[in-house]
Amino acid sequence: MDIVLSILEEVADAEESRPLDLPPLNDAIDVDSLEQLIDSLDQFETIQFTYCHYRITVKGDGTIFIDTSETAMITDVQ
């Protein structure tokens, strides 16, 4: 599955909404660059960015972590 679609689906689940109801991911990060960077990572490297007040972590193996904790949301709203 496309990594961008996976991120949108995971955040939509956390927001209890639909992916189409979320702001464009391109508002948070350049999607083309994100995909290229992920393709160049080894399995132990990660990329982190903020989207919809969540800390998104993508590992080189394609694993996605969405930090939905209050601490992540408060920290990212600066």
C-alpha atoms as a PDB file:
ATOM      1  CA  MET A   1       0.000   0.000   0.000  1.00  0.00           C
ATOM      2  CA  ASP A   2       1.178   3.514  -0.718  1.00  0.00           C
ATOM      3  CA  ILE A   3       2.916   5.050   2.316  1.00  0.00           C
ATOM      4  CA  VAL A   4       1.029   8.350   1.960  1.00  0.00           C
ATOM      5  CA  LEU A   5      -2.329   6.603   1.946  1.00  0.00           C
ATOM      6  CA  SER A   6      -1.275   4.561   4.967  1.00  0.00           C
ATOM      7  CA  ILE A   7      -0.340   7.709   6.898  1.00  0.00           C
ATOM      8  CA  LEU A   8      -3.654   9.361   6.018  1.00  0.00           C
ATOM      9  CA  GLU A   9      -5.625   6.291   7.073  1.00  0.00           C
ATOM     10  CA  GLU A  10      -3.779   5.997  10.389  1.00  0.00           C
ATOM     11  CA  VAL A  11      -4.290   9.675  11.242  1.00  0.00           C
ATOM     12  CA  ALA A  12      -7.931   9.509  10.170  1.00  0.00           C
ATOM     13  CA  ASP A  13      -8.408   6.562  12.553  1.00  0.00           C
ATOM     14  CA  ALA A  14      -6.821   8.574  15.375  1.00  0.00           C
ATOM     15  CA  GLU A  15      -9.075  11.528  14.534  1.00  0.00           C
ATOM     16  CA  GLU A  16     -12.119   9.282  14.149  1.00  0.00           C
ATOM     17  CA  SER A  17     -12.721  10.751  10.707  1.00  0.00           C
ATOM     18  CA  ARG A  18     -12.223   9.901   7.049  1.00  0.00           C
ATOM     19  CA  PRO A  19      -8.938  10.528   5.198  1.00  0.00           C
ATOM     20  CA  LEU A  20     -10.733  12.938   2.850  1.00  0.00           C
ATOM     21  CA  ASP A  21     -11.751  15.063   5.852  1.00  0.00           C
ATOM     22  CA  LEU A  22      -8.104  15.695   6.814  1.00  0.00           C
ATOM     23  CA  PRO A  23      -6.020  18.596   5.517  1.00  0.00           C
ATOM     24  CA  PRO A  24      -3.709  17.711   2.612  1.00  0.00           C
ATOM     25  CA  LEU A  25      -0.567  15.918   3.761  1.00  0.00           C
ATOM     26  CA  ASN A  26       1.381  18.260   1.468  1.00  0.00           C
ATOM     27  CA  ASP A  27       0.535  21.049   3.934  1.00  0.00           C
ATOM     28  CA  ALA A  28       2.819  19.314   6.450  1.00  0.00           C
ATOM     29  CA  ILE A  29       5.519  17.749   4.266  1.00  0.00           C
ATOM     30  CA  ASP A  30       6.451  17.475   0.608  1.00  0.00           C
ATOM     31  CA  VAL A  31       4.926  14.103  -0.247  1.00  0.00           C
ATOM     32  CA  ASP A  32       7.179  13.398  -3.241  1.00  0.00           C
ATOM     33  CA  SER A  33      10.296  14.096  -1.183  1.00  0.00           C
ATOM     34  CA  LEU A  34       8.933  11.979   1.669  1.00  0.00           C
ATOM     35  CA  GLU A  35       8.449   8.978  -0.622  1.00  0.00           C
ATOM     36  CA  GLN A  36      11.936   9.376  -2.120  1.00  0.00           C
ATOM     37  CA  LEU A  37      13.499   9.707   1.310  1.00  0.00           C
ATOM     38  CA  ILE A  38      11.716   6.633   2.638  1.00  0.00           C
ATOM     39  CA  ASP A  39      12.909   4.642  -0.370  1.00  0.00           C
ATOM     40  CA  SER A  40      16.503   5.619   0.462  1.00  0.00           C
ATOM     41  CA  LEU A  41      16.389   4.673   4.164  1.00  0.00           C
ATOM     42  CA  ASP A  42      17.750   1.481   5.579  1.00  0.00           C
ATOM     43  CA  GLN A  43      15.453  -0.514   7.847  1.00  0.00           C
ATOM     44  CA  PHE A  44      16.762   1.124  11.054  1.00  0.00           C
ATOM     45  CA  GLU A  45      16.517   4.776   9.987  1.00  0.00           C
ATOM     46  CA  THR A  46      13.424   6.880  10.611  1.00  0.00           C
ATOM     47  CA  ILE A  47      11.748  10.068   9.443  1.00  0.00           C
ATOM     48  CA  GLN A  48       9.649  12.152  11.816  1.00  0.00           C
ATOM     49  CA  PHE A  49       7.280  15.020  11.079  1.00  0.00           C
ATOM     50  CA  THR A  50       4.141  16.589  12.483  1.00  0.00           C
ATOM     51  CA  TYR A  51       0.745  16.292  10.824  1.00  0.00           C
ATOM     52  CA  CYS A  52      -2.597  17.256  12.387  1.00  0.00           C
ATOM     53  CA  HIS A  53      -0.787  17.758  15.716  1.00  0.00           C
ATOM     54  CA  TYR A  54       0.475  14.166  15.741  1.00  0.00           C
ATOM     55  CA  ARG A  55       4.112  13.090  15.639  1.00  0.00           C
ATOM     56  CA  ILE A  56       4.412  10.774  12.633  1.00  0.00           C
ATOM     57  CA  THR A  57       7.375   8.393  12.504  1.00  0.00           C
ATOM     58  CA  VAL A  58       8.092   6.293   9.424  1.00  0.00           C
ATOM     59  CA  LYS A  59      10.783   3.628   9.608  1.00  0.00           C
ATOM     60  CA  GLY A  60      12.859   2.555   6.657  1.00  0.00           C
ATOM     61  CA  ASP A  61      11.014  -0.764   6.562  1.00  0.00           C
ATOM     62  CA  GLY A  62       7.721   1.117   6.006  1.00  0.00           C
ATOM     63  CA  THR A  63       6.405   0.810   9.557  1.00  0.00           C
ATOM     64  CA  ILE A  64       4.354   3.857  10.574  1.00  0.00           C
ATOM     65  CA  PHE A  65       3.919   5.103  14.142  1.00  0.00           C
ATOM     66  CA  ILE A  66       1.358   7.785  15.015  1.00  0.00           C
ATOM     67  CA  ASP A  67       1.992   9.348  18.425  1.00  0.00           C
ATOM     68  CA  THR A  68      -1.452  10.256  19.708  1.00  0.00           C
ATOM     69  CA  SER A  69      -0.342  11.050  23.252  1.00  0.00           C
ATOM     70  CA  GLU A  70      -1.232  14.377  24.838  1.00  0.00           C
ATOM     71  CA  THR A  71       2.476  15.140  25.165  1.00  0.00           C
ATOM     72  CA  ALA A  72       3.018  14.809  21.404  1.00  0.00           C
ATOM     73  CA  MET A  73       0.013  16.946  20.600  1.00  0.00           C
ATOM     74  CA  ILE A  74       0.940  19.667  23.111  1.00  0.00           C
ATOM     75  CA  THR A  75       4.586  19.718  22.027  1.00  0.00           C
ATOM     76  CA  ASP A  76       3.697  19.996  18.337  1.00  0.00           C
ATOM     77  CA  VAL A  77       1.284  22.913  18.726  1.00  0.00           C
ATOM     78  CA  GLN A  78       3.994  25.530  19.303  1.00  0.00           C
END
